């Protein structure tokens, strides 16, 4: 394996175990290229570090972002909505990119949270191997459980690399998923209002 050693391990970067590097080299070789080629010498470490970053959501509990709440809301009792939140994830079937945007809304009961925290919850769950349906459900359930609002609505639109870059190779196709809880699920008028605010 000495032939592969190129980038020093004491460069301040995350050390990459040898078996992980070897796994990437195996994929490179199986794909038809030579992992000993100059341009690919450091690729195993780069790929490994990139995937550690892509999947950093496994090292955190997204619910932690909802732990600091505010009870003094000045009597506000209308929908709180954050929309067009960009995100990137990777599908668990082909590990291909999922890129899209999300709209997250809730109807407060007695507490609200800093608006950026909704995006952090999304990114926490998205930074794992995912399917869009589960991602949508996890974000909604997390907000429902920890903010205890009257209602939660999450809608995600995304494009999937496993469909655009391989297989059927169909570009420009988006997938939409939604999950509703509380009044947004049970009350027709509330559901219509929140979906309208989201642009649906």
N, C-alpha and C. Protein backbone atom coordinates (compact mmCIF):
# COMPACT_ATOMS: atom_id res chain seq x y z
N UNK A 1 0.82 -1.20 0.00
CA UNK A 1 0.00 0.00 0.00
C UNK A 1 0.86 1.27 0.00
N UNK A 2 2.18 1.13 0.16
CA UNK A 2 3.03 2.30 0.23
C UNK A 2 2.95 3.13 -1.04
N UNK A 3 2.69 2.46 -2.18
CA UNK A 3 2.59 3.18 -3.45
C UNK A 3 1.48 4.21 -3.42
N UNK A 4 0.49 4.02 -2.54
CA UNK A 4 -0.66 4.90 -2.50
C UNK A 4 -0.45 6.11 -1.59
N UNK A 5 0.52 6.05 -0.72
CA UNK A 5 0.70 7.14 0.24
C UNK A 5 1.20 8.37 -0.49
N UNK A 6 0.41 9.42 -0.43
CA UNK A 6 0.76 10.64 -1.16
C UNK A 6 0.54 11.87 -0.30
N UNK A 7 -0.65 11.99 0.28
CA UNK A 7 -0.97 13.13 1.13
C UNK A 7 -0.60 12.79 2.57
N UNK A 8 0.22 13.60 3.24
CA UNK A 8 0.64 13.27 4.62
C UNK A 8 -0.53 13.31 5.58
N UNK A 9 -0.48 12.45 6.61
CA UNK A 9 -1.56 12.36 7.58
C UNK A 9 -1.48 13.45 8.64
N UNK A 10 -0.33 14.14 8.75
CA UNK A 10 -0.18 15.16 9.77
C UNK A 10 -0.44 16.55 9.20
N UNK A 11 -1.31 16.64 8.19
CA UNK A 11 -1.59 17.92 7.54
C UNK A 11 -2.73 18.67 8.22
N UNK A 12 -3.17 18.18 9.38
CA UNK A 12 -4.25 18.85 10.09
C UNK A 12 -5.63 18.42 9.65
N UNK A 13 -5.71 17.57 8.65
CA UNK A 13 -7.00 17.11 8.16
C UNK A 13 -7.42 15.83 8.88
N UNK A 14 -8.68 15.51 8.76
CA UNK A 14 -9.21 14.30 9.39
C UNK A 14 -8.49 13.07 8.86
N UNK A 15 -7.89 12.27 9.74
CA UNK A 15 -7.25 11.03 9.28
C UNK A 15 -8.29 10.08 8.69
N UNK A 16 -7.88 9.38 7.65
CA UNK A 16 -8.79 8.45 6.98
C UNK A 16 -8.25 7.04 7.15
N UNK A 17 -9.01 6.13 7.76
CA UNK A 17 -8.54 4.75 7.94
C UNK A 17 -8.18 4.10 6.60
N UNK A 18 -7.19 3.22 6.65
CA UNK A 18 -6.71 2.59 5.43
C UNK A 18 -7.80 1.79 4.73
N UNK A 19 -8.66 1.11 5.50
CA UNK A 19 -9.68 0.29 4.85
C UNK A 19 -10.70 1.14 4.10
N UNK A 20 -10.92 2.36 4.57
CA UNK A 20 -11.83 3.27 3.86
C UNK A 20 -11.18 3.71 2.55
N UNK A 21 -9.89 4.07 2.61
CA UNK A 21 -9.18 4.44 1.38
C UNK A 21 -9.18 3.28 0.38
N UNK A 22 -8.95 2.09 0.88
CA UNK A 22 -8.91 0.92 0.00
C UNK A 22 -10.27 0.68 -0.65
N UNK A 23 -11.34 0.95 0.09
CA UNK A 23 -12.68 0.77 -0.48
C UNK A 23 -12.90 1.72 -1.64
N UNK A 24 -12.47 2.98 -1.49
CA UNK A 24 -12.63 3.95 -2.58
C UNK A 24 -11.77 3.54 -3.77
N UNK A 25 -10.56 3.07 -3.51
CA UNK A 25 -9.70 2.61 -4.61
C UNK A 25 -10.33 1.45 -5.36
N UNK A 26 -10.99 0.57 -4.62
CA UNK A 26 -11.67 -0.56 -5.26
C UNK A 26 -12.75 -0.07 -6.20
N UNK A 27 -13.51 0.92 -5.78
CA UNK A 27 -14.57 1.48 -6.64
C UNK A 27 -13.96 2.13 -7.88
N UNK A 28 -12.86 2.88 -7.68
CA UNK A 28 -12.20 3.51 -8.82
C UNK A 28 -11.74 2.45 -9.82
N UNK A 29 -11.12 1.41 -9.32
CA UNK A 29 -10.61 0.34 -10.18
C UNK A 29 -11.76 -0.38 -10.87
N UNK A 30 -12.82 -0.67 -10.13
CA UNK A 30 -13.97 -1.38 -10.69
C UNK A 30 -14.69 -0.53 -11.74
N UNK A 31 -14.58 0.79 -11.58
CA UNK A 31 -15.20 1.70 -12.56
C UNK A 31 -14.40 1.79 -13.85
N UNK A 32 -13.16 1.30 -13.84
CA UNK A 32 -12.37 1.26 -15.06
C UNK A 32 -11.14 2.13 -15.08
N UNK A 33 -10.86 2.82 -13.97
CA UNK A 33 -9.68 3.69 -13.94
C UNK A 33 -8.61 3.08 -13.05
N UNK A 34 -7.47 3.75 -13.01
CA UNK A 34 -6.32 3.26 -12.25
C UNK A 34 -6.13 4.13 -11.01
N UNK A 35 -6.36 3.60 -9.81
CA UNK A 35 -6.21 4.40 -8.59
C UNK A 35 -4.79 4.87 -8.35
N UNK A 36 -3.80 4.33 -9.10
CA UNK A 36 -2.41 4.77 -8.96
C UNK A 36 -2.09 5.94 -9.89
N UNK A 37 -3.06 6.29 -10.73
CA UNK A 37 -2.84 7.43 -11.62
C UNK A 37 -2.68 8.70 -10.80
N UNK A 38 -1.79 9.59 -11.27
CA UNK A 38 -1.43 10.77 -10.48
C UNK A 38 -2.66 11.56 -10.00
N UNK A 39 -3.59 11.79 -10.88
CA UNK A 39 -4.75 12.59 -10.52
C UNK A 39 -5.67 11.94 -9.51
N UNK A 40 -5.49 10.64 -9.28
CA UNK A 40 -6.36 9.89 -8.38
C UNK A 40 -5.67 9.48 -7.08
N UNK A 41 -4.41 9.83 -6.92
CA UNK A 41 -3.67 9.37 -5.74
C UNK A 41 -4.31 9.81 -4.43
N UNK A 42 -4.76 11.06 -4.37
CA UNK A 42 -5.34 11.59 -3.13
C UNK A 42 -6.87 11.49 -3.11
N UNK A 43 -7.44 10.97 -4.18
CA UNK A 43 -8.90 10.90 -4.28
C UNK A 43 -9.53 10.07 -3.16
N UNK A 44 -8.99 8.93 -2.77
CA UNK A 44 -9.63 8.16 -1.69
C UNK A 44 -9.81 8.95 -0.40
N UNK A 45 -8.79 9.71 -0.02
CA UNK A 45 -8.92 10.51 1.20
C UNK A 45 -9.93 11.64 1.01
N UNK A 46 -9.90 12.27 -0.16
CA UNK A 46 -10.83 13.36 -0.41
C UNK A 46 -12.28 12.86 -0.40
N UNK A 47 -12.49 11.72 -1.04
CA UNK A 47 -13.84 11.15 -1.08
C UNK A 47 -14.31 10.80 0.33
N UNK A 48 -13.44 10.18 1.11
CA UNK A 48 -13.81 9.78 2.47
C UNK A 48 -14.16 11.00 3.32
N UNK A 49 -13.34 12.04 3.23
CA UNK A 49 -13.62 13.24 4.01
C UNK A 49 -14.89 13.94 3.54
N UNK A 50 -15.12 13.91 2.23
CA UNK A 50 -16.35 14.50 1.70
C UNK A 50 -17.57 13.78 2.24
N UNK A 51 -17.52 12.44 2.28
CA UNK A 51 -18.66 11.68 2.77
C UNK A 51 -18.87 11.85 4.26
N UNK A 52 -17.80 12.05 5.01
CA UNK A 52 -17.96 12.35 6.43
C UNK A 52 -18.71 13.68 6.59
N UNK A 53 -18.40 14.64 5.70
CA UNK A 53 -19.10 15.93 5.75
C UNK A 53 -20.54 15.79 5.28
N UNK A 54 -20.76 15.05 4.17
CA UNK A 54 -22.12 14.86 3.67
C UNK A 54 -23.02 14.24 4.74
N UNK A 55 -22.44 13.36 5.53
CA UNK A 55 -23.23 12.59 6.50
C UNK A 55 -23.02 13.05 7.94
N UNK A 56 -22.68 14.31 8.12
CA UNK A 56 -22.42 14.80 9.47
C UNK A 56 -23.68 14.81 10.34
N UNK A 57 -24.85 14.64 9.73
CA UNK A 57 -26.09 14.60 10.51
C UNK A 57 -26.18 13.40 11.44
N UNK A 58 -25.41 12.36 11.18
CA UNK A 58 -25.42 11.21 12.08
C UNK A 58 -24.79 11.55 13.43
N UNK A 59 -23.97 12.58 13.47
CA UNK A 59 -23.27 12.95 14.70
C UNK A 59 -24.04 13.96 15.53
N UNK A 60 -25.26 14.30 15.11
CA UNK A 60 -26.03 15.28 15.87
C UNK A 60 -27.49 14.84 15.99
N UNK A 61 -28.13 15.39 16.99
CA UNK A 61 -29.57 15.21 17.15
C UNK A 61 -30.23 16.51 16.70
N UNK A 62 -30.92 16.51 15.56
CA UNK A 62 -31.51 17.76 15.06
C UNK A 62 -32.43 18.43 16.07
N UNK A 63 -33.00 17.66 16.97
CA UNK A 63 -33.93 18.23 17.95
C UNK A 63 -33.24 19.22 18.88
N UNK A 64 -31.91 19.15 18.99
CA UNK A 64 -31.20 20.07 19.89
C UNK A 64 -31.41 21.52 19.47
N UNK A 65 -31.69 21.74 18.19
CA UNK A 65 -31.89 23.10 17.70
C UNK A 65 -33.23 23.68 18.15
N UNK A 66 -34.09 22.83 18.68
CA UNK A 66 -35.39 23.30 19.15
C UNK A 66 -35.44 23.40 20.66
N UNK A 67 -34.30 23.26 21.31
CA UNK A 67 -34.29 23.23 22.77
C UNK A 67 -34.46 24.62 23.40
N UNK A 68 -34.07 25.65 22.68
CA UNK A 68 -34.24 27.01 23.20
C UNK A 68 -35.48 27.63 22.56
N UNK A 69 -36.51 27.83 23.36
CA UNK A 69 -37.76 28.36 22.85
C UNK A 69 -38.10 29.66 23.57
N UNK A 70 -39.05 30.39 23.00
CA UNK A 70 -39.48 31.67 23.57
C UNK A 70 -40.98 31.59 23.84
N UNK A 71 -41.35 31.98 25.06
CA UNK A 71 -42.76 31.92 25.45
C UNK A 71 -43.45 33.26 25.33
N UNK A 72 -42.70 34.34 25.30
CA UNK A 72 -43.28 35.66 25.18
C UNK A 72 -43.43 36.00 23.70
N UNK A 73 -44.62 35.75 23.16
CA UNK A 73 -44.85 35.93 21.73
C UNK A 73 -45.80 37.09 21.45
N UNK A 74 -46.14 37.87 22.46
CA UNK A 74 -46.97 39.04 22.26
C UNK A 74 -48.35 38.73 21.72
N UNK A 75 -48.85 37.56 22.08
CA UNK A 75 -50.19 37.19 21.63
C UNK A 75 -50.24 36.66 20.21
N UNK A 76 -49.09 36.47 19.58
CA UNK A 76 -49.08 35.99 18.19
C UNK A 76 -49.60 34.56 18.13
N UNK A 77 -50.59 34.34 17.27
CA UNK A 77 -51.18 33.00 17.17
C UNK A 77 -51.50 32.64 15.73
N UNK A 78 -50.65 33.11 14.81
CA UNK A 78 -50.82 32.79 13.39
C UNK A 78 -49.67 31.90 12.92
N UNK A 79 -49.74 31.51 11.66
CA UNK A 79 -48.76 30.59 11.10
C UNK A 79 -47.36 31.22 11.06
N UNK A 80 -46.37 30.42 11.41
CA UNK A 80 -44.96 30.77 11.22
C UNK A 80 -44.45 29.91 10.08
N UNK A 81 -43.93 30.55 9.05
CA UNK A 81 -43.54 29.82 7.83
C UNK A 81 -42.15 30.23 7.38
N UNK A 82 -41.32 29.24 7.10
CA UNK A 82 -40.02 29.45 6.46
C UNK A 82 -40.05 28.63 5.18
N UNK A 83 -39.90 29.29 4.04
CA UNK A 83 -39.99 28.53 2.79
C UNK A 83 -38.79 28.79 1.89
N UNK A 84 -38.70 27.99 0.84
CA UNK A 84 -37.58 28.04 -0.10
C UNK A 84 -36.25 27.81 0.60
N UNK A 85 -36.23 26.86 1.54
CA UNK A 85 -34.99 26.51 2.24
C UNK A 85 -34.22 25.52 1.37
N UNK A 86 -33.08 25.90 0.84
CA UNK A 86 -32.33 24.96 0.01
C UNK A 86 -31.66 23.89 0.86
N UNK A 87 -31.55 22.69 0.31
CA UNK A 87 -30.87 21.62 1.04
C UNK A 87 -30.27 20.63 0.06
N UNK A 88 -29.33 19.85 0.56
CA UNK A 88 -28.77 18.74 -0.21
C UNK A 88 -28.71 17.51 0.67
N UNK A 89 -29.05 16.38 0.10
CA UNK A 89 -28.95 15.12 0.81
C UNK A 89 -28.42 14.09 -0.19
N UNK A 90 -28.40 12.82 0.23
CA UNK A 90 -27.98 11.74 -0.67
C UNK A 90 -28.93 10.56 -0.46
N UNK A 91 -29.35 9.97 -1.55
CA UNK A 91 -30.30 8.87 -1.45
C UNK A 91 -29.61 7.61 -0.94
N UNK A 92 -30.32 6.86 -0.14
CA UNK A 92 -29.73 5.67 0.46
C UNK A 92 -29.65 4.50 -0.51
N UNK A 93 -30.29 4.61 -1.67
CA UNK A 93 -30.28 3.50 -2.62
C UNK A 93 -29.07 3.53 -3.56
N UNK A 94 -28.69 4.73 -4.03
CA UNK A 94 -27.56 4.86 -4.94
C UNK A 94 -26.50 5.83 -4.43
N UNK A 95 -26.77 6.45 -3.27
CA UNK A 95 -25.88 7.45 -2.71
C UNK A 95 -25.67 8.62 -3.67
N UNK A 96 -26.69 8.87 -4.49
CA UNK A 96 -26.66 9.98 -5.44
C UNK A 96 -27.26 11.22 -4.78
N UNK A 97 -26.90 12.40 -5.27
CA UNK A 97 -27.39 13.64 -4.63
C UNK A 97 -28.90 13.81 -4.76
N UNK A 98 -29.48 14.35 -3.71
CA UNK A 98 -30.85 14.85 -3.71
C UNK A 98 -30.72 16.35 -3.43
N UNK A 99 -31.20 17.17 -4.32
CA UNK A 99 -31.12 18.62 -4.11
C UNK A 99 -32.50 19.22 -4.26
N UNK A 100 -32.82 20.16 -3.40
CA UNK A 100 -34.15 20.74 -3.50
C UNK A 100 -34.36 21.87 -2.51
N UNK A 101 -35.63 22.09 -2.20
CA UNK A 101 -36.00 23.14 -1.26
C UNK A 101 -37.17 22.65 -0.42
N UNK A 102 -37.29 23.25 0.74
CA UNK A 102 -38.35 22.85 1.66
C UNK A 102 -39.10 24.07 2.18
N UNK A 103 -40.35 23.83 2.53
CA UNK A 103 -41.16 24.82 3.24
C UNK A 103 -41.59 24.18 4.55
N UNK A 104 -41.36 24.89 5.65
CA UNK A 104 -41.69 24.39 6.98
C UNK A 104 -42.57 25.41 7.68
N UNK A 105 -43.71 24.97 8.17
CA UNK A 105 -44.63 25.88 8.85
C UNK A 105 -45.14 25.23 10.13
N UNK A 106 -45.42 26.07 11.12
CA UNK A 106 -46.09 25.58 12.32
C UNK A 106 -46.99 26.67 12.87
N UNK A 107 -48.02 26.25 13.57
CA UNK A 107 -48.94 27.16 14.25
C UNK A 107 -48.63 27.07 15.73
N UNK A 108 -47.99 28.09 16.32
CA UNK A 108 -47.55 28.00 17.72
C UNK A 108 -48.72 27.81 18.68
N UNK A 109 -48.41 27.15 19.76
CA UNK A 109 -49.36 27.06 20.86
C UNK A 109 -48.91 28.02 21.94
N UNK A 110 -47.84 27.66 22.65
CA UNK A 110 -47.36 28.54 23.71
C UNK A 110 -45.88 28.90 23.56
N UNK A 111 -45.25 28.42 22.50
CA UNK A 111 -43.82 28.73 22.36
C UNK A 111 -43.42 28.76 20.90
N UNK A 112 -42.41 29.58 20.62
CA UNK A 112 -41.85 29.69 19.28
C UNK A 112 -40.35 29.47 19.38
N UNK A 113 -39.73 29.31 18.22
CA UNK A 113 -38.30 29.07 18.17
C UNK A 113 -37.69 30.01 17.14
N UNK A 114 -36.40 30.32 17.29
CA UNK A 114 -35.72 31.15 16.30
C UNK A 114 -35.88 30.54 14.92
N UNK A 115 -36.21 31.37 13.93
CA UNK A 115 -36.60 30.86 12.62
C UNK A 115 -35.48 30.06 11.95
N UNK A 116 -34.21 30.43 12.21
CA UNK A 116 -33.11 29.69 11.59
C UNK A 116 -33.05 28.25 12.08
N UNK A 117 -33.64 27.99 13.24
CA UNK A 117 -33.58 26.63 13.80
C UNK A 117 -34.38 25.65 12.96
N UNK A 118 -35.40 26.13 12.28
CA UNK A 118 -36.17 25.24 11.40
C UNK A 118 -35.28 24.73 10.27
N UNK A 119 -34.48 25.63 9.71
CA UNK A 119 -33.55 25.21 8.65
C UNK A 119 -32.51 24.25 9.20
N UNK A 120 -32.06 24.48 10.43
CA UNK A 120 -31.05 23.59 11.01
C UNK A 120 -31.60 22.18 11.24
N UNK A 121 -32.86 22.10 11.60
CA UNK A 121 -33.49 20.78 11.75
C UNK A 121 -33.50 20.06 10.41
N UNK A 122 -33.91 20.77 9.36
CA UNK A 122 -33.91 20.19 8.01
C UNK A 122 -32.53 19.70 7.63
N UNK A 123 -31.52 20.54 7.80
CA UNK A 123 -30.17 20.17 7.39
C UNK A 123 -29.62 19.01 8.23
N UNK A 124 -30.01 18.96 9.49
CA UNK A 124 -29.56 17.86 10.33
C UNK A 124 -30.04 16.51 9.81
N UNK A 125 -31.31 16.44 9.44
CA UNK A 125 -31.84 15.18 8.91
C UNK A 125 -31.37 14.93 7.47
N UNK A 126 -31.19 16.01 6.71
CA UNK A 126 -30.76 15.84 5.32
C UNK A 126 -29.32 15.35 5.23
N UNK A 127 -28.52 15.62 6.25
CA UNK A 127 -27.11 15.22 6.24
C UNK A 127 -26.95 13.77 6.69
N UNK A 128 -27.80 12.94 6.13
CA UNK A 128 -27.76 11.49 6.36
C UNK A 128 -28.18 10.83 5.05
N UNK A 129 -27.93 9.57 4.90
CA UNK A 129 -28.48 8.86 3.74
C UNK A 129 -29.99 8.82 3.91
N UNK A 130 -30.71 9.22 2.87
CA UNK A 130 -32.14 9.47 3.04
C UNK A 130 -32.96 8.96 1.87
N UNK A 131 -34.26 8.90 2.09
CA UNK A 131 -35.25 8.94 1.03
C UNK A 131 -36.11 10.17 1.34
N UNK A 132 -36.62 10.80 0.31
CA UNK A 132 -37.30 12.08 0.51
C UNK A 132 -38.52 11.94 1.41
N UNK A 133 -39.23 10.82 1.28
CA UNK A 133 -40.42 10.62 2.10
C UNK A 133 -40.09 10.61 3.59
N UNK A 134 -39.02 9.91 3.95
CA UNK A 134 -38.64 9.84 5.36
C UNK A 134 -38.12 11.19 5.85
N UNK A 135 -37.34 11.87 5.01
CA UNK A 135 -36.83 13.18 5.39
C UNK A 135 -37.97 14.12 5.73
N UNK A 136 -39.00 14.13 4.90
CA UNK A 136 -40.16 14.99 5.14
C UNK A 136 -40.83 14.64 6.46
N UNK A 137 -41.02 13.36 6.70
CA UNK A 137 -41.68 12.91 7.92
C UNK A 137 -40.85 13.20 9.16
N UNK A 138 -39.53 13.03 9.07
CA UNK A 138 -38.67 13.25 10.23
C UNK A 138 -38.66 14.72 10.65
N UNK A 139 -38.58 15.61 9.68
CA UNK A 139 -38.58 17.04 10.00
C UNK A 139 -39.89 17.43 10.67
N UNK A 140 -41.00 16.99 10.10
CA UNK A 140 -42.31 17.34 10.66
C UNK A 140 -42.48 16.76 12.07
N UNK A 141 -42.09 15.51 12.26
CA UNK A 141 -42.27 14.86 13.55
C UNK A 141 -41.41 15.51 14.62
N UNK A 142 -40.20 15.91 14.26
CA UNK A 142 -39.30 16.55 15.22
C UNK A 142 -39.90 17.87 15.73
N UNK A 143 -40.42 18.66 14.82
CA UNK A 143 -41.03 19.94 15.21
C UNK A 143 -42.29 19.70 16.03
N UNK A 144 -43.09 18.74 15.61
CA UNK A 144 -44.33 18.40 16.32
C UNK A 144 -44.03 17.96 17.75
N UNK A 145 -43.03 17.12 17.92
CA UNK A 145 -42.71 16.58 19.24
C UNK A 145 -42.11 17.62 20.19
N UNK A 146 -41.28 18.50 19.67
CA UNK A 146 -40.48 19.35 20.54
C UNK A 146 -41.03 20.77 20.71
N UNK A 147 -41.79 21.27 19.74
CA UNK A 147 -42.40 22.59 19.91
C UNK A 147 -43.84 22.49 20.40
N UNK A 148 -44.43 21.30 20.27
CA UNK A 148 -45.80 21.06 20.69
C UNK A 148 -46.75 22.15 20.16
N UNK A 149 -46.72 22.39 18.86
CA UNK A 149 -47.58 23.43 18.28
C UNK A 149 -48.99 22.89 18.03
N UNK A 150 -49.85 23.77 17.53
CA UNK A 150 -51.18 23.33 17.14
C UNK A 150 -51.16 22.57 15.82
N UNK A 151 -50.18 22.88 15.00
CA UNK A 151 -50.07 22.20 13.72
C UNK A 151 -48.69 22.35 13.12
N UNK A 152 -48.30 21.40 12.29
CA UNK A 152 -47.02 21.43 11.56
C UNK A 152 -47.28 21.02 10.13
N UNK A 153 -46.62 21.70 9.20
CA UNK A 153 -46.70 21.33 7.79
C UNK A 153 -45.31 21.42 7.18
N UNK A 154 -44.91 20.37 6.48
CA UNK A 154 -43.62 20.34 5.79
C UNK A 154 -43.85 19.86 4.36
N UNK A 155 -43.37 20.64 3.41
CA UNK A 155 -43.43 20.25 2.00
C UNK A 155 -42.02 20.35 1.43
N UNK A 156 -41.59 19.29 0.76
CA UNK A 156 -40.25 19.26 0.16
C UNK A 156 -40.37 18.97 -1.33
N UNK A 157 -39.66 19.76 -2.13
CA UNK A 157 -39.53 19.53 -3.56
C UNK A 157 -38.06 19.26 -3.84
N UNK A 158 -37.77 18.20 -4.60
CA UNK A 158 -36.36 17.86 -4.84
C UNK A 158 -36.19 17.13 -6.16
N UNK A 159 -34.95 17.21 -6.65
CA UNK A 159 -34.54 16.45 -7.82
C UNK A 159 -33.55 15.38 -7.34
N UNK A 160 -33.61 14.23 -7.98
CA UNK A 160 -32.83 13.08 -7.54
C UNK A 160 -31.81 12.66 -8.59
N UNK A 161 -30.54 12.66 -8.16
CA UNK A 161 -29.48 12.28 -9.07
C UNK A 161 -29.59 10.84 -9.56
N UNK A 162 -30.22 9.98 -8.77
CA UNK A 162 -30.37 8.59 -9.20
C UNK A 162 -31.34 8.47 -10.37
N UNK A 163 -32.11 9.53 -10.63
CA UNK A 163 -33.03 9.54 -11.76
C UNK A 163 -32.50 10.38 -12.92
N UNK A 164 -31.78 11.44 -12.60
CA UNK A 164 -31.29 12.33 -13.65
C UNK A 164 -29.93 11.89 -14.21
N UNK A 165 -29.10 11.25 -13.39
CA UNK A 165 -27.74 10.92 -13.81
C UNK A 165 -27.53 9.47 -14.17
N UNK A 166 -28.53 8.63 -13.94
CA UNK A 166 -28.39 7.20 -14.24
C UNK A 166 -29.77 6.65 -14.55
N UNK A 167 -29.81 5.35 -14.87
CA UNK A 167 -31.11 4.71 -15.09
C UNK A 167 -31.91 5.38 -16.20
N UNK A 168 -33.05 5.93 -15.85
CA UNK A 168 -33.95 6.53 -16.83
C UNK A 168 -33.39 7.85 -17.38
N UNK A 169 -32.44 8.47 -16.68
CA UNK A 169 -31.78 9.71 -17.12
C UNK A 169 -32.79 10.76 -17.58
N UNK A 170 -33.73 11.06 -16.72
CA UNK A 170 -34.76 12.04 -17.02
C UNK A 170 -34.50 13.31 -16.24
N UNK A 171 -34.21 14.39 -16.96
CA UNK A 171 -33.87 15.66 -16.32
C UNK A 171 -35.11 16.54 -16.18
N UNK A 172 -35.03 17.49 -15.26
CA UNK A 172 -36.10 18.46 -15.08
C UNK A 172 -37.32 17.93 -14.37
N UNK A 173 -37.20 16.77 -13.74
CA UNK A 173 -38.32 16.17 -13.03
C UNK A 173 -38.12 16.37 -11.53
N UNK A 174 -39.14 16.89 -10.87
CA UNK A 174 -39.06 17.10 -9.43
C UNK A 174 -40.06 16.23 -8.70
N UNK A 175 -39.74 15.89 -7.48
CA UNK A 175 -40.62 15.09 -6.64
C UNK A 175 -41.06 15.96 -5.46
N UNK A 176 -42.35 15.89 -5.12
CA UNK A 176 -42.89 16.66 -4.01
C UNK A 176 -43.47 15.73 -2.98
N UNK A 177 -43.11 15.96 -1.71
CA UNK A 177 -43.65 15.19 -0.60
C UNK A 177 -44.13 16.15 0.48
N UNK A 178 -45.10 15.71 1.26
CA UNK A 178 -45.62 16.57 2.32
C UNK A 178 -45.98 15.72 3.54
N UNK A 179 -45.95 16.38 4.70
CA UNK A 179 -46.39 15.75 5.94
C UNK A 179 -47.05 16.83 6.80
N UNK A 180 -48.26 16.53 7.26
CA UNK A 180 -49.04 17.46 8.06
C UNK A 180 -49.37 16.83 9.40
N UNK A 181 -49.39 17.66 10.44
CA UNK A 181 -49.79 17.22 11.77
C UNK A 181 -50.78 18.23 12.37
N UNK A 182 -51.56 17.77 13.31
CA UNK A 182 -52.43 18.66 14.08
C UNK A 182 -53.50 19.32 13.23
N UNK A 183 -53.71 20.62 13.46
CA UNK A 183 -54.80 21.33 12.78
C UNK A 183 -54.62 21.37 11.28
N UNK A 184 -53.38 21.32 10.80
CA UNK A 184 -53.16 21.35 9.36
C UNK A 184 -53.59 20.04 8.70
N UNK A 185 -53.65 19.00 9.48
CA UNK A 185 -54.12 17.71 8.97
C UNK A 185 -55.63 17.57 9.17
N UNK A 186 -56.10 18.03 10.31
CA UNK A 186 -57.48 17.76 10.71
C UNK A 186 -58.49 18.80 10.24
N UNK A 187 -58.04 20.05 10.05
CA UNK A 187 -58.97 21.13 9.71
C UNK A 187 -58.74 21.57 8.26
N UNK A 188 -59.76 21.47 7.45
CA UNK A 188 -59.63 21.77 6.02
C UNK A 188 -59.21 23.21 5.79
N UNK A 189 -59.80 24.15 6.53
CA UNK A 189 -59.47 25.55 6.31
C UNK A 189 -58.02 25.87 6.69
N UNK A 190 -57.57 25.29 7.78
CA UNK A 190 -56.18 25.50 8.20
C UNK A 190 -55.22 24.89 7.19
N UNK A 191 -55.54 23.72 6.71
CA UNK A 191 -54.69 23.07 5.71
C UNK A 191 -54.62 23.91 4.44
N UNK A 192 -55.78 24.39 3.99
CA UNK A 192 -55.82 25.21 2.78
C UNK A 192 -55.00 26.49 2.96
N UNK A 193 -55.11 27.10 4.13
CA UNK A 193 -54.38 28.35 4.40
C UNK A 193 -52.87 28.13 4.36
N UNK A 194 -52.38 27.10 5.06
CA UNK A 194 -50.94 26.93 5.13
C UNK A 194 -50.37 26.53 3.77
N UNK A 195 -51.07 25.69 3.04
CA UNK A 195 -50.57 25.29 1.72
C UNK A 195 -50.59 26.46 0.76
N UNK A 196 -51.56 27.35 0.91
CA UNK A 196 -51.62 28.55 0.08
C UNK A 196 -50.43 29.48 0.38
N UNK A 197 -50.13 29.64 1.67
CA UNK A 197 -48.99 30.46 2.06
C UNK A 197 -47.68 29.88 1.52
N UNK A 198 -47.62 28.56 1.44
CA UNK A 198 -46.44 27.89 0.92
C UNK A 198 -46.34 27.99 -0.61
N UNK A 199 -47.49 28.33 -1.24
CA UNK A 199 -47.50 28.43 -2.70
C UNK A 199 -48.03 27.21 -3.40
N UNK A 200 -48.83 26.41 -2.67
CA UNK A 200 -49.39 25.18 -3.26
C UNK A 200 -50.90 25.26 -3.32
